[in-house]
Amino acid sequence: MAAEHGAGQQLSQEMMEVDRRVESEESGDEEGKKQSSRIVADLSEHSLKDGEDRGEEEPAGQELPVDMETITLDRDAEDIDLNHYRIGKIEGFEILKKVKTLCLRQNLIKCIENLEELHSLRELDLYDNQIKKIENLDTLTELEILDISFNLLRNIEGVDKLTKLKKLFLVNNKINKIENLSNLRQLEMLELGSNRIRAIENIDTLTNLDSLFLGKNKITKLQNLDALSNLTVLSIQSNRLTKMEGLQSLVNLRELYLSHNGIEVIEGLENNMNDNLLESWSDLDELKGAKNLETVYLEGNPLQKDPQYRRKVMLALPSVRQIDATFVSPRGLIHPRGLRFLLCRMRTHTQSPQVPPLPTLQRCPVQYGSHVLLLMADSVHS
């Protein structure tokens, strides 16, 4: 029996891997398609063999949930970690009057229930279960972190009462629309990667948002971001973008991830690229490895005050054909397909004398497959 139980556990883990491969396939991951096909084939053969060996006593790979009565809970505990306990139903937690963090990762939970008495709860982790609906959370008004990633959600709902929520993770579900978040005005991080979202919408009230992750969706346009002036991190790689636009209001943006799209046109990034602290020409040596770099924006940096500014940039970066808004090549306009992209994080500092000197340019790897040179401001507050 122990051997059969071990085999069942291993098969269950492999099945979860198939689920994630299938999700990658829906996001356009070709490698995920190939690997999922191989794994499914292997599992089918393995399941048939196991079924014959067991005489079809139970479905192959099905884990049986444990009875919560077999789990002892400390009623005075503030942190409860029940990761991978094969819990099938949330029950018996009403005794936890002091709990602040509850982790129920990698279980067999199908429904969010019986948490109404946990008024002190600050963090709820339901990552990797079988939950289909966000519900029964209205009384958890002190909740600050909620993670329901890797479940079976199709809609964002049931969170409008969680007005103190700061971080919301809904990665790898089946969500197709951003909605019902308007009351989460204190939200600082929103993670919606690996879903089926087609449009950026209904987030204009999230003015405190610092980080927005939308990678591996089906988004075709950068839009409805104007209200997110405090945003510092925007990740939207592996989507269906063809144009870089709509970022002009993101004046505090420090990190922008746009790889694995089909971007051909770049515009509206002036507020994100200029006004940093490049003052030594040796700083441009970091870019000499970018042999295909054709466009750089250095406007507003101390380097620009040099009378020979453009000539020196051309000498330092011979491949460059456009400096700021000026084309420096007699070839005329450069087609957007010829551009290359490098994201370099910069640092600026206030006028406070208490702030120590900071390096003007951090070393970063050259990315040959992206689309423009960004010199982002990484603000340091005194």
Protein backbone atom coordinates (compact mmCIF):
# COMPACT_ATOMS: atom_id res chain seq x y z
CA MET A 1 0.00 0.00 0.00
CA ALA A 2 2.84 2.37 0.85
CA ALA A 3 4.40 1.75 -2.54
CA GLU A 4 1.06 2.37 -4.27
CA HIS A 5 0.57 5.59 -2.27
CA GLY A 6 4.06 6.79 -3.25
CA ALA A 7 3.37 6.03 -6.89
CA GLY A 8 0.08 7.89 -6.66
CA GLN A 9 1.78 10.96 -5.20
CA GLN A 10 4.41 10.94 -7.94
CA LEU A 11 1.75 10.61 -10.62
CA SER A 12 -0.22 13.49 -9.10
CA GLN A 13 2.82 15.74 -9.22
CA GLU A 14 3.33 14.78 -12.87
CA MET A 15 -0.32 15.60 -13.59
CA MET A 16 0.09 19.06 -12.02
CA GLU A 17 3.10 19.53 -14.29
CA VAL A 18 0.88 18.68 -17.27
CA ASP A 19 -1.65 21.30 -16.15
CA ARG A 20 1.09 23.94 -16.07
CA ARG A 21 2.44 22.83 -19.46
CA VAL A 22 -1.05 23.17 -20.91
CA GLU A 23 -1.29 26.70 -19.48
CA SER A 24 2.05 27.51 -21.15
CA GLU A 25 0.67 26.17 -24.40
CA GLU A 26 -2.29 28.55 -24.16
CA SER A 27 0.13 31.42 -23.60
CA GLY A 28 1.96 30.60 -26.81
CA ASP A 29 4.92 28.69 -25.33
CA GLU A 30 5.97 26.32 -28.11
CA GLU A 31 8.32 24.44 -25.84
CA GLY A 32 5.45 23.94 -23.42
CA LYS A 33 3.41 22.43 -26.24
CA LYS A 34 6.10 19.88 -27.09
CA GLN A 35 6.85 18.92 -23.52
CA SER A 36 3.18 18.64 -22.53
CA SER A 37 2.54 16.28 -25.44
CA ARG A 38 5.43 14.05 -24.39
CA ILE A 39 4.38 14.03 -20.74
CA VAL A 40 0.72 13.29 -21.57
CA ALA A 41 1.78 10.35 -23.72
CA ASP A 42 4.05 8.99 -20.99
CA LEU A 43 1.36 9.42 -18.34
CA SER A 44 -1.28 7.68 -20.47
CA GLU A 45 0.89 4.62 -20.84
CA HIS A 46 1.85 4.73 -17.16
CA SER A 47 -1.79 5.07 -16.05
CA LEU A 48 -2.92 2.09 -18.11
CA LYS A 49 -0.19 -0.09 -16.68
CA ASP A 50 -0.94 0.99 -13.10
CA GLY A 51 -4.65 0.38 -13.67
CA GLU A 52 -3.97 -3.20 -14.69
CA ASP A 53 -1.67 -3.75 -11.70
CA ARG A 54 -4.23 -2.43 -9.21
CA GLY A 55 -7.23 -4.02 -10.85
CA GLU A 56 -8.79 -0.53 -11.31
CA GLU A 57 -9.35 -0.13 -7.56
CA GLU A 58 -9.09 3.68 -7.82
CA PRO A 59 -8.42 6.29 -10.51
CA ALA A 60 -4.74 6.58 -11.35
CA GLY A 61 -2.92 9.45 -9.63
CA GLN A 62 -5.84 10.60 -7.49
CA GLU A 63 -4.76 11.84 -4.07
CA LEU A 64 -7.16 11.28 -1.22
CA PRO A 65 -7.67 14.31 1.06
CA VAL A 66 -6.84 14.02 4.75
CA ASP A 67 -9.33 14.55 7.54
CA MET A 68 -8.67 17.87 9.35
CA GLU A 69 -9.28 16.07 12.63
CA THR A 70 -5.91 14.40 12.16
CA ILE A 71 -4.16 17.79 12.13
CA THR A 72 -3.44 19.54 15.43
CA LEU A 73 -3.69 23.34 15.40
CA ASP A 74 -2.13 25.64 18.00
CA ARG A 75 -4.92 28.05 18.94
CA ASP A 76 -2.36 30.70 20.04
CA ALA A 77 -0.23 30.55 16.89
CA GLU A 78 0.15 33.64 14.70
CA ASP A 79 1.68 31.78 11.76
CA ILE A 80 0.16 28.54 10.45
CA ASP A 81 1.92 26.65 7.66
CA LEU A 82 0.04 23.64 6.24
CA ASN A 83 1.89 23.36 2.95
CA HIS A 84 1.22 20.11 1.05
CA TYR A 85 -0.89 18.42 3.73
CA ARG A 86 -3.46 17.06 1.22
CA ILE A 87 -6.18 19.10 2.90
CA GLY A 88 -9.43 18.77 0.95
CA LYS A 89 -11.64 21.15 2.90
CA ILE A 90 -11.01 24.29 4.96
CA GLU A 91 -12.52 23.59 8.37
CA GLY A 92 -11.66 23.74 12.05
CA PHE A 93 -9.73 27.03 11.78
CA GLU A 94 -12.19 29.08 13.85
CA ILE A 95 -10.09 28.42 16.99
CA LEU A 96 -7.20 30.49 15.54
CA LYS A 97 -8.11 33.81 17.13
CA LYS A 98 -4.56 35.23 16.84
CA VAL A 99 -3.48 33.96 13.45
CA LYS A 100 -1.95 36.52 11.08
CA THR A 101 -0.50 34.28 8.37
CA LEU A 102 -2.22 31.16 7.03
CA CYS A 103 -0.45 29.09 4.36
CA LEU A 104 -2.47 26.34 2.65
CA ARG A 105 -0.27 25.89 -0.41
CA GLN A 106 -0.33 22.74 -2.53
CA ASN A 107 -3.39 21.09 -1.08
CA LEU A 108 -6.61 19.72 -2.57
CA ILE A 109 -8.90 22.58 -1.57
CA LYS A 110 -11.82 23.21 -3.91
CA CYS A 111 -13.69 25.96 -2.04
CA ILE A 112 -12.76 28.99 0.08
CA GLU A 113 -14.90 28.61 3.19
CA ASN A 114 -15.03 28.64 7.00
CA LEU A 115 -12.56 31.52 7.41
CA GLU A 116 -15.08 34.10 8.62
CA GLU A 117 -13.79 34.07 12.22
CA LEU A 118 -10.16 34.86 11.33
CA HIS A 119 -10.52 38.62 11.79
CA SER A 120 -6.81 39.09 12.59
CA LEU A 121 -5.60 37.44 9.37
CA ARG A 122 -3.11 39.52 7.36
CA GLU A 123 -1.87 36.99 4.78
CA LEU A 124 -3.73 34.12 3.13
CA ASP A 125 -1.87 31.77 0.78
CA LEU A 126 -3.97 29.33 -1.29
CA TYR A 127 -1.41 28.80 -4.08
CA ASP A 128 -1.74 25.57 -6.08
CA ASN A 129 -5.12 24.16 -5.11
CA GLN A 130 -8.30 23.43 -7.08
CA ILE A 131 -10.28 26.58 -6.31
CA LYS A 132 -12.74 27.77 -8.97
CA LYS A 133 -14.17 30.87 -7.32
CA ILE A 134 -13.02 33.68 -5.00
CA GLU A 135 -15.66 33.79 -2.28
CA ASN A 136 -16.39 34.03 1.46
CA LEU A 137 -13.64 36.57 2.19
CA ASP A 138 -15.79 39.58 3.10
CA THR A 139 -15.04 39.43 6.85
CA LEU A 140 -11.25 39.33 6.39
CA THR A 141 -11.04 43.11 6.32
CA GLU A 142 -7.47 43.21 7.73
CA LEU A 143 -6.08 41.07 4.92
CA GLU A 144 -3.03 42.61 3.20
CA ILE A 145 -1.70 39.74 1.06
CA LEU A 146 -3.80 37.24 -0.90
CA ASP A 147 -2.35 34.54 -3.16
CA ILE A 148 -4.68 32.28 -5.16
CA SER A 149 -2.22 31.50 -7.95
CA PHE A 150 -2.23 28.18 -9.83
CA ASN A 151 -5.90 27.42 -9.33
CA LEU A 152 -8.92 27.22 -11.65
CA LEU A 153 -10.27 30.77 -11.38
CA ARG A 154 -12.09 32.25 -14.35
CA ASN A 155 -13.15 35.59 -12.84
CA ILE A 156 -11.79 38.22 -10.47
CA GLU A 157 -14.54 38.61 -7.90
CA GLY A 158 -15.25 38.55 -4.18
CA VAL A 159 -12.41 40.92 -3.21
CA ASP A 160 -14.22 44.27 -3.09
CA LYS A 161 -14.41 44.23 0.74
CA LEU A 162 -10.66 43.68 1.14
CA THR A 163 -9.89 47.39 1.16
CA LYS A 164 -6.57 47.00 3.01
CA LEU A 165 -5.15 44.56 0.49
CA LYS A 166 -1.65 45.50 -0.68
CA LYS A 167 -0.59 42.47 -2.72
CA LEU A 168 -2.81 40.29 -4.89
CA PHE A 169 -1.43 37.24 -6.73
CA LEU A 170 -3.66 35.44 -9.25
CA VAL A 171 -0.98 33.88 -11.44
CA ASN A 172 -1.71 30.96 -13.77
CA ASN A 173 -5.47 30.75 -13.69
CA LYS A 174 -8.01 31.07 -16.51
CA ILE A 175 -8.95 34.72 -15.96
CA ASN A 176 -9.94 36.55 -19.15
CA LYS A 177 -10.77 40.03 -17.83
CA ILE A 178 -9.44 42.52 -15.27
CA GLU A 179 -12.45 43.56 -13.20
CA ASN A 180 -13.88 44.17 -9.71
CA LEU A 181 -10.72 45.77 -8.32
CA SER A 182 -11.90 49.36 -8.00
CA ASN A 183 -12.16 49.28 -4.18
CA LEU A 184 -8.58 48.08 -3.68
CA ARG A 185 -7.14 51.58 -3.51
CA GLN A 186 -4.24 50.54 -1.25
CA LEU A 187 -3.08 47.82 -3.63
CA GLU A 188 0.66 48.07 -4.36
CA MET A 189 1.31 44.86 -6.31
CA LEU A 190 -0.96 43.12 -8.80
CA GLU A 191 0.24 39.86 -10.38
CA LEU A 192 -1.95 38.48 -13.17
CA GLY A 193 0.64 36.63 -15.24
CA SER A 194 -0.20 33.49 -17.23
CA ASN A 195 -3.92 34.03 -17.70
CA ARG A 196 -6.12 34.77 -20.74
CA ILE A 197 -6.45 38.53 -20.36
CA ARG A 198 -6.92 40.45 -23.63
CA ALA A 199 -7.06 44.07 -22.45
CA ILE A 200 -5.64 46.33 -19.75
CA GLU A 201 -8.73 47.85 -18.18
CA ASN A 202 -10.56 48.74 -14.96
CA ILE A 203 -7.42 49.66 -13.00
CA ASP A 204 -7.67 53.47 -13.05
CA THR A 205 -8.51 53.63 -9.31
CA LEU A 206 -5.39 51.70 -8.30
CA THR A 207 -3.32 54.86 -7.95
CA ASN A 208 -1.01 53.37 -5.29
CA LEU A 209 0.02 50.50 -7.54
CA ASP A 210 3.80 50.09 -7.59
CA SER A 211 4.18 46.85 -9.57
CA LEU A 212 1.97 45.42 -12.31
CA PHE A 213 2.69 41.99 -13.80
CA LEU A 214 0.75 40.94 -16.90
CA GLY A 215 3.19 38.59 -18.64
CA LYS A 216 1.95 35.60 -20.66
CA ASN A 217 -1.50 36.87 -21.53
CA LYS A 218 -3.15 37.86 -24.83
CA ILE A 219 -2.90 41.64 -24.54
CA THR A 220 -2.68 43.50 -27.85
CA LYS A 221 -2.37 47.13 -26.71
CA LEU A 222 -0.74 49.21 -23.96
CA GLN A 223 -3.62 51.34 -22.69
CA ASN A 224 -5.46 52.67 -19.63
CA LEU A 225 -2.27 53.20 -17.63
CA ASP A 226 -2.42 57.00 -17.26
CA ALA A 227 -3.68 56.93 -13.66
CA LEU A 228 -0.81 54.72 -12.47
CA SER A 229 1.69 57.53 -11.94
CA ASN A 230 3.31 55.70 -9.00
CA LEU A 231 4.06 52.59 -11.02
CA THR A 232 7.75 51.62 -10.93
CA VAL A 233 7.62 48.10 -12.42
CA LEU A 234 5.61 47.07 -15.49
CA SER A 235 6.02 43.54 -16.79
CA ILE A 236 4.07 42.69 -19.92
CA GLN A 237 6.33 40.28 -21.77
CA SER A 238 4.99 37.38 -23.86
CA ASN A 239 1.85 39.10 -25.09
CA ARG A 240 0.70 40.29 -28.52
CA LEU A 241 1.90 43.90 -28.54
CA THR A 242 2.98 45.47 -31.82
CA LYS A 243 3.41 49.05 -30.62
CA MET A 244 5.09 50.58 -27.57
CA GLU A 245 2.77 53.40 -26.50
CA GLY A 246 0.65 54.75 -23.67
CA LEU A 247 3.52 54.99 -21.18
CA GLN A 248 3.98 58.76 -21.14
CA SER A 249 2.25 59.20 -17.75
CA LEU A 250 4.40 56.59 -16.00
CA VAL A 251 6.97 59.14 -14.87
CA ASN A 252 8.25 56.93 -12.01
CA LEU A 253 8.75 53.82 -14.09
CA ARG A 254 12.07 52.09 -13.32
CA GLU A 255 11.68 48.63 -14.83
CA LEU A 256 9.92 47.81 -18.09
CA TYR A 257 9.75 44.25 -19.43
CA LEU A 258 8.50 43.86 -23.01
CA SER A 259 10.33 40.83 -24.38
CA HIS A 260 8.60 38.23 -26.55
CA ASN A 261 6.13 40.58 -28.21
CA GLY A 262 5.94 41.75 -31.81
CA ILE A 263 6.80 45.41 -31.25
CA GLU A 264 7.51 47.38 -34.42
CA VAL A 265 6.69 50.98 -33.38
CA ILE A 266 8.00 52.92 -30.37
CA GLU A 267 6.58 56.23 -29.17
CA GLY A 268 5.63 58.23 -26.09
CA LEU A 269 8.60 57.26 -23.91
CA GLU A 270 10.23 60.66 -23.48
CA ASN A 271 9.35 60.90 -19.78
CA ASN A 272 10.99 57.54 -19.07
CA MET A 273 14.28 57.85 -20.92
CA ASN A 274 15.83 61.21 -20.24
CA ASP A 275 17.03 63.31 -17.28
CA ASN A 276 19.52 61.05 -15.55
CA LEU A 277 23.09 61.57 -14.34
CA LEU A 278 25.38 60.41 -17.15
CA GLU A 279 28.31 62.80 -16.94
CA SER A 280 31.36 60.81 -18.03
CA TRP A 281 31.89 59.64 -21.59
CA SER A 282 33.43 56.46 -20.22
CA ASP A 283 29.94 55.50 -19.04
CA LEU A 284 29.01 54.83 -22.66
CA ASP A 285 31.66 52.08 -22.78
CA GLU A 286 29.05 49.84 -21.18
CA LEU A 287 27.11 49.97 -24.46
CA LYS A 288 29.88 49.14 -26.91
CA GLY A 289 28.83 45.51 -27.02
CA ALA A 290 25.47 46.48 -28.51
CA LYS A 291 26.58 46.24 -32.13
CA ASN A 292 23.04 46.69 -33.48
CA LEU A 293 22.03 49.62 -31.26
CA GLU A 294 20.75 52.39 -33.53
CA THR A 295 18.75 54.74 -31.26
CA VAL A 296 19.73 56.31 -27.93
CA TYR A 297 18.02 58.94 -25.80
CA LEU A 298 20.45 60.80 -23.52
CA GLU A 299 18.68 64.15 -23.38
CA GLY A 300 18.75 65.82 -19.97
CA ASN A 301 21.95 64.10 -18.86
CA PRO A 302 25.07 66.20 -18.07
CA LEU A 303 26.72 64.71 -21.17
CA GLN A 304 24.38 66.70 -23.38
CA LYS A 305 26.00 69.98 -22.30
CA ASP A 306 29.20 69.05 -24.14
CA PRO A 307 29.49 71.16 -27.37
CA GLN A 308 30.61 68.02 -29.21
CA TYR A 309 27.79 65.93 -27.70
CA ARG A 310 26.45 64.23 -30.82
CA ARG A 311 29.85 63.75 -32.45
CA LYS A 312 31.21 62.05 -29.33
CA VAL A 313 28.17 59.80 -29.07
CA MET A 314 28.72 58.74 -32.68
CA LEU A 315 32.38 58.02 -31.98
CA ALA A 316 31.56 56.03 -28.84
CA LEU A 317 28.66 54.14 -30.48
CA PRO A 318 29.36 53.88 -34.23
CA SER A 319 26.19 51.90 -34.96
CA VAL A 320 23.88 54.68 -33.68
CA ARG A 321 21.78 56.40 -36.34
CA GLN A 322 19.50 58.47 -34.09
CA ILE A 323 20.50 60.51 -31.02
CA ASP A 324 17.51 61.76 -29.05
CA ALA A 325 15.04 63.08 -31.65
CA THR A 326 17.75 63.79 -34.24
CA PHE A 327 18.74 61.46 -37.06
CA VAL A 328 22.48 61.56 -37.61
CA SER A 329 22.75 59.44 -40.73
CA PRO A 330 22.24 60.55 -44.35
CA ARG A 331 20.30 57.33 -44.87
CA GLY A 332 17.16 59.10 -43.75
CA LEU A 333 14.49 57.67 -41.46
CA ILE A 334 15.20 54.30 -39.91
CA HIS A 335 12.43 51.74 -40.16
CA PRO A 336 11.28 50.66 -36.67
CA ARG A 337 12.15 47.04 -37.42
CA GLY A 338 15.81 48.03 -37.36
CA LEU A 339 15.75 49.24 -33.78
CA ARG A 340 17.22 47.31 -30.89
CA PHE A 341 16.36 47.64 -27.21
CA LEU A 342 18.45 47.79 -24.06
CA LEU A 343 17.07 48.45 -20.60
CA CYS A 344 19.61 50.12 -18.30
CA ARG A 345 18.63 51.04 -14.78
CA MET A 346 19.92 54.42 -13.65
CA ARG A 347 20.04 56.18 -10.33
CA THR A 348 19.20 59.77 -9.51
CA HIS A 349 19.37 61.46 -6.14
CA THR A 350 17.85 64.49 -4.47
CA GLN A 351 19.77 67.65 -3.61
CA SER A 352 20.12 66.52 0.01
CA PRO A 353 23.80 66.56 1.06
CA GLN A 354 23.12 63.51 3.23
CA VAL A 355 22.76 61.27 0.18
CA PRO A 356 26.14 59.69 -0.69
CA PRO A 357 27.38 59.74 -4.29
CA LEU A 358 25.84 57.00 -6.43
CA PRO A 359 27.22 55.25 -9.49
CA THR A 360 25.77 56.76 -12.62
CA LEU A 361 25.31 53.57 -14.61
CA GLN A 362 24.84 50.04 -13.48
CA ARG A 363 26.38 47.27 -15.55
CA CYS A 364 23.69 45.36 -17.36
CA PRO A 365 23.78 42.70 -20.09
CA VAL A 366 23.16 43.78 -23.65
CA GLN A 367 19.93 42.39 -25.07
CA TYR A 368 20.15 42.05 -28.84
CA GLY A 369 16.57 40.98 -29.41
CA SER A 370 14.67 43.95 -27.97
CA HIS A 371 13.87 47.44 -29.21
CA VAL A 372 15.25 50.77 -27.81
CA LEU A 373 17.73 52.14 -25.25
CA LEU A 374 16.05 53.20 -22.00
CA LEU A 375 17.88 55.05 -19.26
CA MET A 376 15.48 54.63 -16.40
CA ALA A 377 15.49 56.69 -13.19
CA ASP A 378 15.87 54.69 -9.97
CA SER A 379 15.02 57.35 -7.37
CA VAL A 380 16.63 57.40 -3.95
CA HIS A 381 14.78 59.29 -1.23
CA SER A 382 16.61 61.09 1.54
